[in-house]
Protein backbone atom coordinates (compact mmCIF):
# COMPACT_ATOMS: atom_id res chain seq x y z
CA MET A 1 -4.50 -6.05 -8.85
CA SER A 2 -6.29 -9.09 -6.92
CA GLU A 3 -5.86 -11.72 -10.22
CA ALA A 4 -2.33 -10.08 -11.32
CA SER A 5 -1.14 -11.14 -7.73
CA ASP A 6 -2.59 -14.55 -7.61
CA ASP A 7 -1.40 -15.17 -10.90
CA LEU A 8 2.48 -14.49 -9.40
CA ALA A 9 1.41 -17.07 -6.32
CA ALA A 10 0.48 -19.30 -9.18
CA THR A 11 3.83 -18.59 -10.89
CA LYS A 12 6.02 -18.49 -7.03
CA ARG A 13 4.49 -22.04 -6.20
CA THR A 14 5.03 -23.90 -9.74
CA TYR A 15 8.97 -23.08 -9.92
CA SER A 16 8.56 -24.22 -6.33
CA ARG A 17 7.89 -27.22 -6.94
CA VAL A 18 10.18 -27.73 -9.81
CA ALA A 19 12.65 -27.21 -7.28
CA LEU A 20 12.00 -29.42 -5.07
CA TYR A 21 11.96 -32.13 -8.32
CA LEU A 22 15.47 -31.10 -9.05
CA PHE A 23 16.91 -31.45 -5.80
CA ILE A 24 15.30 -34.93 -5.04
CA CYS A 25 16.44 -36.14 -8.62
CA LEU A 26 20.04 -33.95 -7.65
CA LEU A 27 19.98 -36.57 -4.74
CA GLY A 28 19.17 -39.29 -5.71
CA LEU A 29 21.52 -39.42 -8.34
CA MET A 30 24.41 -38.24 -6.08
CA ILE A 31 23.05 -41.70 -4.21
CA ARG A 32 22.69 -44.50 -6.85
CA LEU A 33 25.49 -42.87 -9.61
CA PRO A 34 28.23 -44.26 -7.66
CA LEU A 35 26.92 -47.54 -7.55
CA TYR A 36 26.40 -48.04 -11.71
CA ALA A 37 29.53 -48.57 -13.78
CA ASP A 38 28.00 -47.89 -16.22
CA LYS A 39 26.50 -43.88 -15.76
CA THR A 40 24.27 -43.50 -18.01
CA GLN A 41 22.45 -46.36 -17.47
CA GLY A 42 22.04 -45.13 -13.91
CA ALA A 43 21.30 -41.48 -14.48
CA ILE A 44 18.39 -42.72 -16.44
CA PHE A 45 17.29 -45.04 -13.94
CA SER A 46 17.36 -42.74 -11.11
CA ILE A 47 15.42 -40.08 -13.46
CA GLY A 48 13.39 -42.30 -13.91
CA ILE A 49 12.43 -43.58 -10.67
CA ASP A 50 12.61 -40.37 -8.63
CA THR A 51 10.36 -38.86 -11.68
CA LEU A 52 7.38 -42.05 -10.87
CA LEU A 53 7.84 -40.57 -7.42
CA PHE A 54 7.34 -37.19 -7.57
CA VAL A 55 4.54 -37.67 -9.83
CA SER A 56 2.69 -40.02 -7.39
CA PHE A 57 3.17 -37.85 -4.23
CA LEU A 58 1.39 -35.52 -6.25
CA PRO A 59 -2.27 -36.11 -5.42
CA PHE A 60 -1.73 -36.04 -1.97
CA GLY A 61 -0.13 -33.21 -2.03
CA ARG A 62 -2.82 -31.97 -3.83
CA PHE A 63 -4.97 -33.31 -0.72
CA ILE A 64 -3.37 -31.86 1.64
CA GLU A 65 -3.52 -28.02 -0.11
CA ARG A 66 -7.35 -28.03 -0.33
CA SER A 67 -7.33 -29.94 2.96
CA ARG A 68 -8.50 -27.79 6.09
CA TRP A 69 -5.11 -29.03 7.92
CA SER A 70 -3.38 -26.06 9.00
CA ARG A 71 -0.20 -27.61 10.97
CA ILE A 72 0.71 -30.10 11.56
CA THR A 73 -0.82 -32.75 14.50
CA LEU A 74 -1.21 -35.72 15.39
CA VAL A 75 -4.11 -37.46 13.53
CA ASN A 76 -2.65 -35.73 10.09
CA GLY A 77 1.11 -36.65 11.27
CA THR A 78 0.22 -40.13 11.46
CA ALA A 79 -1.73 -40.31 8.55
CA LEU A 80 1.52 -38.26 6.43
CA VAL A 81 3.72 -41.77 8.27
CA VAL A 82 1.16 -43.50 7.01
CA VAL A 83 0.94 -43.02 3.40
CA SER A 84 4.37 -41.86 3.39
CA MET A 85 5.19 -45.97 3.79
CA LEU A 86 2.31 -47.45 1.60
CA MET A 87 3.21 -45.11 -1.00
CA GLY A 88 7.47 -45.67 -0.15
CA LEU A 89 6.14 -49.51 -0.47
CA GLY A 90 4.78 -48.76 -3.80
CA ILE A 91 7.37 -47.60 -5.01
CA SER A 92 10.17 -50.24 -4.08
CA LEU A 93 7.82 -52.67 -6.02
CA CYS A 94 7.67 -50.94 -8.78
CA SER A 95 11.67 -50.52 -9.11
CA ILE A 96 11.91 -54.17 -8.43
CA ALA A 97 9.65 -55.02 -11.39
CA PHE A 98 11.61 -53.11 -13.56
CA VAL A 99 15.13 -54.03 -13.31
CA GLN A 100 12.88 -57.29 -13.43
CA VAL A 101 12.11 -56.63 -16.71
CA GLU A 102 15.31 -54.95 -17.42
CA PRO A 103 18.07 -56.15 -15.93
CA VAL A 104 20.91 -53.95 -17.44
CA PHE A 105 19.66 -51.55 -14.47
CA ARG A 106 20.16 -53.09 -11.96
CA ASN A 107 22.89 -52.98 -9.68
CA ARG A 108 23.96 -54.90 -6.24
CA PHE A 109 21.11 -52.82 -4.00
CA HIS A 110 18.18 -54.45 -5.84
CA ASP A 111 19.89 -58.07 -4.23
CA HIS A 112 17.98 -56.94 -1.17
CA PRO A 113 14.56 -55.97 -2.05
CA LEU A 114 13.74 -53.22 0.52
CA ALA A 115 16.56 -51.81 1.13
CA ALA A 116 15.62 -48.48 -0.75
CA TYR A 117 12.06 -48.22 1.03
CA PRO A 118 13.58 -46.14 3.89
CA TYR A 119 14.93 -43.89 1.69
CA PHE A 120 11.50 -43.35 0.01
CA VAL A 121 9.23 -43.59 2.79
CA LEU A 122 11.85 -40.79 3.86
CA LEU A 123 11.42 -38.64 0.91
CA TYR A 124 7.54 -39.04 0.81
CA ILE A 125 7.35 -37.91 4.53
CA LEU A 126 9.55 -34.63 3.58
CA LEU A 127 7.47 -33.65 0.38
CA GLY A 128 4.59 -33.51 2.61
CA LEU A 129 5.98 -31.74 4.79
CA ALA A 130 7.11 -29.54 2.22
CA ALA A 131 3.40 -29.52 0.94
CA PHE A 132 2.49 -28.33 4.73
CA TRP A 133 5.16 -24.90 4.37
CA GLU A 134 3.30 -24.29 0.53
CA LYS A 135 0.32 -24.06 2.21
CA ASN A 136 0.84 -22.24 5.20
CA TRP A 137 3.20 -19.47 2.94
CA GLN A 138 0.13 -19.33 0.64
CA THR A 139 -2.53 -18.83 3.32
CA ALA A 140 -0.08 -16.24 4.59
CA VAL A 141 0.49 -14.72 1.31
CA ARG A 142 -3.41 -14.20 0.99
CA SER A 143 -3.72 -12.64 4.45
CA THR A 144 -1.23 -10.19 3.35
CA ARG A 145 -2.70 -9.24 0.39
CA ARG A 146 -6.24 -9.14 1.67
CA ALA A 147 -4.45 -6.74 4.46
CA ALA A 148 -3.12 -4.64 2.28
CA GLN A 149 -6.73 -4.75 0.45
CA ALA A 150 -7.92 -3.43 3.41
CA GLU A 151 -5.81 -0.84 4.47
CA GLN A 152 -6.35 0.83 0.91
CA ARG A 153 -10.20 0.81 1.63
CA LEU A 154 -10.14 1.90 4.25
CA MET A 155 -7.44 4.68 3.30
CA GLU A 156 -9.80 5.98 0.47
CA ALA A 157 -12.55 5.95 2.87
CA GLU A 158 -10.71 7.60 5.03
CA LEU A 159 -9.58 10.43 2.37
CA LYS A 160 -12.54 10.73 1.24
CA ARG A 161 -14.17 11.40 5.30
CA LEU A 162 -11.78 13.87 4.91
CA ARG A 163 -11.69 15.79 1.85
CA SER A 164 -15.46 15.80 2.23
CA GLN A 165 -15.12 17.81 5.68
CA ILE A 166 -13.24 20.78 3.98
CA ASP A 167 -16.31 21.94 1.39
CA PRO A 168 -19.59 21.92 4.14
CA HIS A 169 -17.26 23.91 6.34
CA PHE A 170 -15.66 26.34 4.10
CA MET A 171 -19.34 27.06 2.76
CA PHE A 172 -20.73 27.62 5.92
CA ASN A 173 -18.60 29.90 6.13
CA THR A 174 -18.66 31.47 2.82
CA LEU A 175 -22.81 31.55 3.63
CA ASN A 176 -22.53 33.21 6.98
CA MET A 177 -21.30 35.95 5.35
CA ALA A 178 -23.30 36.44 2.64
CA LEU A 179 -26.03 36.22 5.52
CA ILE A 180 -24.18 39.22 7.08
CA GLU A 181 -23.79 40.99 4.62
CA ILE A 182 -27.31 40.39 2.70
CA ASN A 183 -29.21 43.73 4.37
CA LYS A 184 -27.49 46.20 3.99
CA HIS A 185 -25.06 45.72 1.44
CA PRO A 186 -27.41 42.84 -0.69
CA LYS A 187 -25.03 43.05 -4.22
CA ARG A 188 -22.30 42.77 -2.60
CA ALA A 189 -23.82 39.61 -0.63
CA SER A 190 -25.17 38.49 -4.09
CA SER A 191 -21.89 38.43 -5.04
CA LEU A 192 -20.09 36.51 -3.29
CA ILE A 193 -23.32 34.16 -3.89
CA GLY A 194 -22.21 34.15 -7.15
CA GLU A 195 -17.99 33.63 -6.55
CA LEU A 196 -19.01 30.58 -3.62
CA SER A 197 -21.41 29.15 -7.04
CA ALA A 198 -17.81 29.32 -9.26
CA TYR A 199 -15.99 28.03 -6.64
CA LEU A 200 -18.28 25.10 -6.02
CA ARG A 201 -18.57 24.36 -8.63
CA HIS A 202 -14.93 23.82 -9.31
CA SER A 203 -14.60 22.11 -6.50
CA LEU A 204 -17.38 20.02 -7.30
CA ASP A 205 -15.18 18.90 -10.73
CA ARG A 206 -12.20 17.74 -8.87
CA ALA A 207 -14.39 15.90 -6.18
CA HIS A 208 -13.04 12.53 -7.66
CA ILE A 209 -9.77 13.63 -8.48
CA ALA A 210 -6.63 13.22 -5.79
CA PHE A 211 -4.11 15.28 -7.20
CA VAL A 212 -3.84 18.20 -8.95
CA PRO A 213 -0.91 20.56 -10.53
CA LEU A 214 -0.20 23.27 -7.67
CA SER A 215 -0.74 25.90 -10.12
CA ALA A 216 -4.49 24.10 -10.18
CA GLU A 217 -5.19 24.96 -6.71
CA LEU A 218 -2.97 28.25 -6.38
CA ALA A 219 -6.24 28.68 -9.46
CA MET A 220 -8.84 27.76 -6.57
CA VAL A 221 -7.21 29.87 -3.32
CA ARG A 222 -7.40 32.68 -5.79
CA SER A 223 -10.93 31.97 -5.99
CA TYR A 224 -11.43 31.85 -2.28
CA LEU A 225 -8.93 35.32 -1.66
CA ARG A 226 -12.03 36.69 -4.10
CA ILE A 227 -14.75 35.59 -1.26
CA GLN A 228 -12.89 37.06 1.24
CA SER A 229 -11.99 39.98 -0.05
CA MET A 230 -15.22 41.38 -0.79
CA ARG A 231 -15.83 40.81 3.09
CA PHE A 232 -12.75 42.76 3.93
CA GLY A 233 -11.50 45.00 1.33
CA PRO A 234 -8.87 47.02 1.44
CA ARG A 235 -8.30 45.40 4.70
CA LEU A 236 -6.95 41.83 3.35
CA VAL A 237 -3.76 42.05 1.48
CA CYS A 238 -2.93 38.79 0.34
CA GLN A 239 0.85 38.53 -1.17
CA MET A 240 2.01 35.26 -3.07
CA ASP A 241 5.36 34.55 -3.66
CA VAL A 242 5.10 31.22 -6.36
CA ALA A 243 8.10 29.69 -7.66
CA THR A 244 7.99 29.20 -11.74
CA PRO A 245 9.45 25.19 -11.29
CA ALA A 246 6.70 24.38 -8.78
CA ARG A 247 3.38 25.23 -10.52
CA LYS A 248 4.16 22.10 -12.46
CA MET A 249 4.75 20.09 -9.18
CA MET A 250 1.17 17.56 -8.43
CA VAL A 251 -0.28 18.04 -4.64
CA PRO A 252 -3.69 16.46 -2.98
CA ALA A 253 -6.83 18.18 -4.06
CA PHE A 254 -7.71 20.61 -1.36
CA LEU A 255 -4.19 21.22 -0.07
CA LEU A 256 -3.89 25.24 0.28
CA GLN A 257 -7.78 25.75 0.75
CA PRO A 258 -7.36 25.43 4.28
CA LEU A 259 -4.12 27.07 5.54
CA VAL A 260 -5.23 30.07 4.15
CA GLU A 261 -8.73 30.13 5.93
CA ASN A 262 -6.98 29.34 9.34
CA ALA A 263 -4.53 32.62 8.37
CA ILE A 264 -7.74 34.80 7.53
CA LYS A 265 -9.96 33.30 9.81
CA TYR A 266 -7.61 33.41 12.91
CA GLY A 267 -5.38 36.73 11.63
CA ILE A 268 -5.20 39.94 13.52
CA PRO A 269 -5.18 43.51 11.78
CA ASP A 270 -1.54 45.33 12.49
CA ASP A 271 -1.26 49.07 13.67
CA ASN A 272 -2.41 50.36 10.96
CA GLN A 273 -5.46 47.87 10.44
CA VAL A 274 -4.73 45.77 7.65
CA GLN A 275 -4.23 42.38 8.12
CA ARG A 276 -1.46 40.69 6.12
CA VAL A 277 -1.01 37.25 4.49
CA ALA A 278 1.90 36.48 2.78
CA ILE A 279 2.16 32.55 0.88
CA SER A 280 5.08 32.11 -0.23
CA ILE A 281 6.19 28.48 -2.28
CA LYS A 282 8.84 27.52 -3.63
CA ARG A 283 10.84 23.88 -4.78
CA ASP A 284 13.82 22.27 -3.25
CA GLY A 285 15.07 19.75 -4.68
CA ASP A 286 12.43 17.11 -5.05
CA SER A 287 10.51 18.71 -2.04
CA LEU A 288 8.30 21.29 -2.38
CA LEU A 289 8.04 24.37 0.67
CA ILE A 290 5.22 25.78 1.78
CA THR A 291 5.32 28.14 3.91
CA ILE A 292 2.02 31.04 5.26
CA ARG A 293 2.25 33.75 7.25
CA ASN A 294 -0.27 35.83 8.96
CA HIS A 295 -0.01 38.89 11.31
CA GLY A 296 -0.55 36.76 15.15
CA ASP A 297 -0.60 35.93 17.68
CA LEU A 298 -1.29 31.66 19.09
CA ARG A 299 -2.06 32.34 21.96
CA MET A 300 -5.01 33.83 21.09
CA VAL A 301 -6.60 31.16 19.15
CA PRO A 302 -9.30 29.24 20.70
CA GLY A 303 -8.19 25.79 21.70
CA ALA A 304 -4.37 26.56 20.14
CA ASN A 305 -2.69 24.54 23.02
CA LYS A 306 -4.76 22.16 22.83
CA GLY A 307 -3.43 21.11 19.40
CA PRO A 308 -4.14 21.47 15.75
CA GLY A 309 -7.77 23.12 14.88
CA ILE A 310 -9.71 20.76 12.31
CA GLY A 311 -8.66 21.77 8.84
CA LEU A 312 -4.93 21.74 10.50
CA ALA A 313 -5.74 17.87 11.91
CA ASN A 314 -7.04 17.20 8.38
CA LEU A 315 -4.37 18.17 6.37
CA ARG A 316 -2.25 16.42 8.47
CA ALA A 317 -4.14 13.20 7.75
CA ARG A 318 -4.19 13.94 4.68
CA LEU A 319 -0.99 14.02 3.80
CA ASP A 320 0.14 11.61 6.40
CA ILE A 321 -2.02 9.12 3.72
CA HIS A 322 -1.04 11.03 0.10
CA TYR A 323 2.81 11.47 1.10
CA PRO A 324 3.96 8.27 4.56
CA GLY A 325 6.41 9.64 6.09
CA LYS A 326 8.03 12.08 3.76
CA ASN A 327 6.22 15.10 5.25
CA GLU A 328 6.28 18.19 7.48
CA VAL A 329 3.79 20.28 9.38
CA SER A 330 4.54 22.87 11.64
CA LEU A 331 3.24 25.81 12.85
CA ARG A 332 4.75 28.37 14.57
CA GLN A 333 5.39 32.04 16.42
CA ASP A 334 8.09 34.07 15.21
CA GLU A 335 7.98 37.20 16.45
CA GLU A 336 4.39 39.04 15.81
CA GLU A 337 3.84 36.11 12.68
CA VAL A 338 1.91 32.90 12.94
CA VAL A 339 4.17 31.05 10.18
CA VAL A 340 2.83 27.89 9.37
CA VAL A 341 5.45 25.68 6.96
CA VAL A 342 4.63 22.78 4.95
CA ARG A 343 7.65 20.57 3.69
CA LEU A 344 6.64 17.54 1.06
CA GLU A 345 9.11 14.86 -0.23
CA GLY A 346 8.84 13.31 -3.75
CA GLU A 347 5.85 12.19 -5.33
CA PRO A 348 2.16 12.02 -3.80
CA CYS A 349 0.71 8.21 -3.38
């Protein structure tokens, strides 16, 4: 990526120099051609002298580019004027010597040997100012690229940090369940550990994968629900309604599990002592709409009035990275149900 950016910057620099050279030649033609009866001879002389002027400036331009001069000061401004005066004098003498050798290129200005001297000095000064502008532009481009690369590395590190908080959190909860069950129901605890092992194996397989098809994410959720069902038995009922067109959409890994975990963790059994969770996922154009409902009360959730918990806060942070300005996460009370709605627009990045 860096090499491609450097190549692009070098190409733009070359184009800008070619454009500057053509401008100088065009300006010279506009000034000199009216002085010649033979326009072809005038064009040859004008382009030749302007090419010599431009080429003679290139070493000084490279010096400006490699120097520590980042802006015009009294010192480097004076140096630019002095160099321009010396180089302008040199070009003027070359012009005079040329018409002495080839009188056919002579015009009436050559009766005054240094008449063009101020013009050459002014062009050198303008070329110097252009070199300063180009250097500052390149510095700004490099700074912007370094800032973008640093931001990209920071985003990647933040994603790794946020994702690393999910598995330990889930593993702690599951091991805690197994600890509770191990004395009263050792077989159930053993099965629970087995399911956890299978879940973590799938989780590790996706540890370095940023995005997965929704169908793969649903498989992870089902594995998680099997673990929870072993704990709650018939007291947990989970319904999943997933539209077929949505299954192939790519989503961030570990998108659904924190939402389902919160729904179960903070859910309240209904009048029949059954904890119900409903998951609905559908595609709306190029957007993915995820709705998770559970019987509960936001007022009963510890710290709900202070903001989202770790799981939901992490989810929002991850979505802001993968869907900048194109995601919505809402948490609300709908009569006796707590509803979480996630809308993702377009493809993740």
